[in-house]
Amino acid sequence: MKTNIYKTYYFVSAIFGISVLLNFFDWQLRGYYTEKAIAWIWILFTLAFIIGFWKSRKIKIYFFLIVVLLILSLLPMLLPFYAMVFYLTDTEDYQQIKIDNQFRLETTRHHPMSKARVYIYENHFGLFEKNIARPDYQEIITQTLSTKNHPDLTPIQNVKIIAQNSDSIGLEYQINGHKKLIYHPIKNVNDGY
């Protein structure tokens, strides 16, 4: 029984670790809530694991290591802590649009110090998504509305794929009734940002 619980926890931890590693290389499991669900499942399993095996010295060390890492994440201006909060919740996620079965768009800030961006994800193998472009959200709003005087988070009403090739993707944005075709270069570097 005890070994089954350990194996289950290691399996959940491995899935969580793979999810984080994929994210670092601009890949993720398909769907908006998939990563968040995996992270929360890992947190719940970790709490249950620690409570269930609290008498073990290794588990106490593991618990205090997690607490110390959480406290250390607060020291550098809370940036790592906020990055974890953004990863676990939909804080700073403004909009998700499914363009078609192959592409989806997400307007968000993935990092506490970054500006809002439009992340364009392409479906691969039915299970994974790759971030292929992340243009600046304000530039899209400014180009579409042809003015700099607009609310900060004007929602995108509709998006259509007009053209795609190996080095760019053309999207027609509709914002406040205005339409504009914008070509975005496709990233060929996995920078994890």
Protein backbone atom coordinates (compact mmCIF):
# COMPACT_ATOMS: atom_id res chain seq x y z
CA MET A 1 0.00 0.00 0.00
CA LYS A 2 2.76 2.42 1.01
CA THR A 3 4.77 1.73 -2.15
CA ASN A 4 1.68 2.35 -4.32
CA ILE A 5 1.23 5.78 -2.72
CA TYR A 6 4.90 6.59 -3.30
CA LYS A 7 4.66 5.45 -6.94
CA THR A 8 1.51 7.52 -7.49
CA TYR A 9 3.12 10.60 -5.98
CA TYR A 10 6.28 10.13 -8.06
CA PHE A 11 4.13 9.72 -11.19
CA VAL A 12 2.16 12.93 -10.48
CA SER A 13 5.42 14.75 -9.71
CA ALA A 14 6.93 13.49 -12.98
CA ILE A 15 3.91 14.72 -14.97
CA PHE A 16 4.17 18.10 -13.23
CA GLY A 17 7.92 18.27 -13.90
CA ILE A 18 7.40 17.39 -17.58
CA SER A 19 4.73 20.10 -17.84
CA VAL A 20 7.09 22.71 -16.38
CA LEU A 21 9.96 21.54 -18.60
CA LEU A 22 7.76 21.67 -21.73
CA ASN A 23 6.71 25.20 -20.80
CA PHE A 24 10.35 26.24 -20.56
CA PHE A 25 10.81 25.24 -24.21
CA ASP A 26 7.57 26.97 -25.41
CA TRP A 27 5.57 23.74 -25.51
CA GLN A 28 2.65 22.78 -23.32
CA LEU A 29 0.00 20.13 -23.02
CA ARG A 30 -3.04 21.03 -25.12
CA GLY A 31 -5.64 23.33 -23.58
CA TYR A 32 -5.71 26.42 -21.45
CA TYR A 33 -6.46 24.79 -18.08
CA THR A 34 -4.37 21.62 -18.51
CA GLU A 35 -1.16 23.03 -16.98
CA LYS A 36 -3.06 24.71 -14.17
CA ALA A 37 -4.95 21.49 -13.36
CA ILE A 38 -1.72 19.46 -13.33
CA ALA A 39 -0.06 21.99 -11.01
CA TRP A 40 -3.01 22.02 -8.59
CA ILE A 41 -3.21 18.21 -8.60
CA TRP A 42 0.51 18.10 -7.74
CA ILE A 43 -0.02 20.59 -4.88
CA LEU A 44 -2.94 18.56 -3.48
CA PHE A 45 -1.01 15.29 -3.80
CA THR A 46 2.00 16.91 -2.13
CA LEU A 47 -0.11 18.09 0.82
CA ALA A 48 -1.74 14.66 1.19
CA PHE A 49 1.64 12.95 0.85
CA ILE A 50 3.23 15.14 3.51
CA ILE A 51 0.30 14.76 5.91
CA GLY A 52 0.09 11.01 5.34
CA PHE A 53 3.78 10.35 5.91
CA TRP A 54 4.59 13.14 8.37
CA LYS A 55 6.30 10.79 10.82
CA SER A 56 9.09 10.10 8.33
CA ARG A 57 12.16 12.26 8.73
CA LYS A 58 12.63 12.49 4.94
CA ILE A 59 9.10 13.87 4.53
CA LYS A 60 9.72 16.52 7.21
CA ILE A 61 12.90 17.60 5.40
CA TYR A 62 10.97 17.66 2.10
CA PHE A 63 8.24 19.82 3.68
CA PHE A 64 10.71 22.30 5.15
CA LEU A 65 12.58 22.43 1.84
CA ILE A 66 9.34 23.39 0.06
CA VAL A 67 8.58 26.03 2.72
CA VAL A 68 12.11 27.47 2.49
CA LEU A 69 11.91 27.64 -1.32
CA LEU A 70 8.54 29.38 -1.08
CA ILE A 71 9.96 31.92 1.40
CA LEU A 72 13.05 32.45 -0.78
CA SER A 73 10.76 33.16 -3.74
CA LEU A 74 9.42 36.14 -1.80
CA LEU A 75 12.81 37.81 -1.34
CA PRO A 76 13.63 39.15 -4.84
CA MET A 77 10.74 41.63 -5.04
CA LEU A 78 8.20 38.75 -5.02
CA LEU A 79 8.91 38.09 -8.72
CA PRO A 80 9.30 34.27 -8.52
CA PHE A 81 6.29 34.12 -6.20
CA TYR A 82 4.13 36.13 -8.63
CA ALA A 83 5.37 33.95 -11.50
CA MET A 84 4.11 30.91 -9.57
CA VAL A 85 0.77 32.64 -8.89
CA PHE A 86 0.40 33.51 -12.59
CA TYR A 87 1.22 29.89 -13.50
CA LEU A 88 -1.27 28.39 -11.02
CA THR A 89 -4.19 30.78 -11.54
CA ASP A 90 -5.77 32.79 -14.32
CA THR A 91 -4.44 36.04 -12.82
CA GLU A 92 -3.32 38.35 -15.64
CA ASP A 93 -4.93 36.08 -18.25
CA TYR A 94 -7.24 38.41 -20.11
CA GLN A 95 -8.66 36.42 -23.00
CA GLN A 96 -8.60 33.03 -24.71
CA ILE A 97 -9.85 32.56 -28.27
CA LYS A 98 -9.99 29.28 -30.16
CA ILE A 99 -9.28 30.28 -33.76
CA ASP A 100 -9.82 26.80 -35.23
CA ASN A 101 -8.84 23.21 -34.42
CA GLN A 102 -5.20 23.96 -35.20
CA PHE A 103 -4.66 27.35 -33.49
CA ARG A 104 -5.68 29.21 -30.36
CA LEU A 105 -4.84 32.65 -29.05
CA GLU A 106 -4.29 33.73 -25.46
CA THR A 107 -3.91 37.31 -24.26
CA THR A 108 -1.92 37.26 -21.04
CA ARG A 109 1.10 38.30 -19.01
CA HIS A 110 3.11 35.16 -18.20
CA HIS A 111 5.64 36.99 -16.05
CA PRO A 112 5.16 39.75 -13.48
CA MET A 113 7.48 42.23 -15.21
CA SER A 114 6.31 41.59 -18.78
CA LYS A 115 3.73 43.50 -20.75
CA ALA A 116 0.53 41.93 -22.06
CA ARG A 117 1.14 39.77 -25.10
CA VAL A 118 -0.94 37.73 -27.50
CA TYR A 119 0.38 34.16 -27.42
CA ILE A 120 -0.46 32.17 -30.54
CA TYR A 121 -0.40 28.40 -30.00
CA GLU A 122 -0.37 25.73 -32.70
CA ASN A 123 -1.68 22.23 -32.01
CA HIS A 124 0.83 19.40 -32.55
CA PHE A 125 0.12 15.66 -32.42
CA GLY A 126 -3.29 16.30 -30.79
CA LEU A 127 -1.73 16.41 -27.32
CA PHE A 128 0.75 19.29 -27.37
CA GLU A 129 0.73 22.98 -28.26
CA LYS A 130 3.67 25.09 -29.40
CA ASN A 131 3.88 28.83 -28.87
CA ILE A 132 4.68 30.05 -32.40
CA ALA A 133 4.36 33.81 -31.92
CA ARG A 134 3.79 36.32 -29.13
CA PRO A 135 3.24 39.82 -30.47
CA ASP A 136 2.77 42.81 -28.18
CA TYR A 137 -0.91 43.24 -27.33
CA GLN A 138 -0.79 47.06 -27.35
CA GLU A 139 0.76 47.08 -30.84
CA ILE A 140 -2.11 44.94 -32.16
CA ILE A 141 -4.67 47.27 -30.57
CA THR A 142 -2.88 50.38 -31.89
CA GLN A 143 -2.57 48.99 -35.43
CA THR A 144 -6.15 47.73 -35.54
CA LEU A 145 -7.76 50.86 -34.12
CA SER A 146 -5.26 53.22 -35.83
CA THR A 147 -5.00 55.30 -32.67
CA LYS A 148 -3.03 55.34 -29.45
CA ASN A 149 -6.02 56.55 -27.42
CA HIS A 150 -7.77 53.36 -26.35
CA PRO A 151 -8.43 51.52 -23.10
CA ASP A 152 -5.53 49.35 -21.97
CA LEU A 153 -7.31 46.01 -22.26
CA THR A 154 -9.66 46.45 -25.19
CA PRO A 155 -10.84 42.89 -25.94
CA ILE A 156 -10.25 41.24 -29.29
CA GLN A 157 -13.67 40.39 -30.71
CA ASN A 158 -12.66 37.96 -33.44
CA VAL A 159 -9.57 36.50 -35.09
CA LYS A 160 -9.26 34.72 -38.45
CA ILE A 161 -6.23 33.06 -40.01
CA ILE A 162 -5.70 34.56 -43.44
CA ALA A 163 -2.30 33.14 -44.39
CA GLN A 164 0.43 30.99 -42.92
CA ASN A 165 3.83 29.90 -44.14
CA SER A 166 7.06 28.73 -42.54
CA ASP A 167 8.14 32.17 -41.33
CA SER A 168 4.93 34.15 -40.65
CA ILE A 169 1.26 33.90 -39.83
CA GLY A 170 -1.32 36.43 -40.99
CA LEU A 171 -4.21 37.06 -38.62
CA GLU A 172 -7.18 39.33 -39.21
CA TYR A 173 -8.14 40.93 -35.91
CA GLN A 174 -11.51 42.50 -35.21
CA ILE A 175 -11.54 44.99 -32.34
CA ASN A 176 -14.42 47.40 -31.65
CA GLY A 177 -15.77 46.74 -35.14
CA HIS A 178 -12.44 47.57 -36.84
CA LYS A 179 -10.63 44.87 -38.82
CA LYS A 180 -6.93 44.73 -39.55
CA LEU A 181 -4.71 42.07 -41.12
CA ILE A 182 -1.40 41.76 -39.25
CA TYR A 183 1.44 39.40 -40.11
CA HIS A 184 3.44 38.03 -37.19
CA PRO A 185 6.84 36.37 -37.61
CA ILE A 186 6.91 32.78 -36.39
CA LYS A 187 9.44 32.23 -33.61
CA ASN A 188 12.14 29.75 -34.43
CA VAL A 189 13.89 30.04 -31.07
CA ASN A 190 12.68 28.24 -27.95
CA ASP A 191 13.39 30.99 -25.45
CA GLY A 192 10.72 30.01 -22.92
CA TYR A 193 9.52 33.57 -22.46
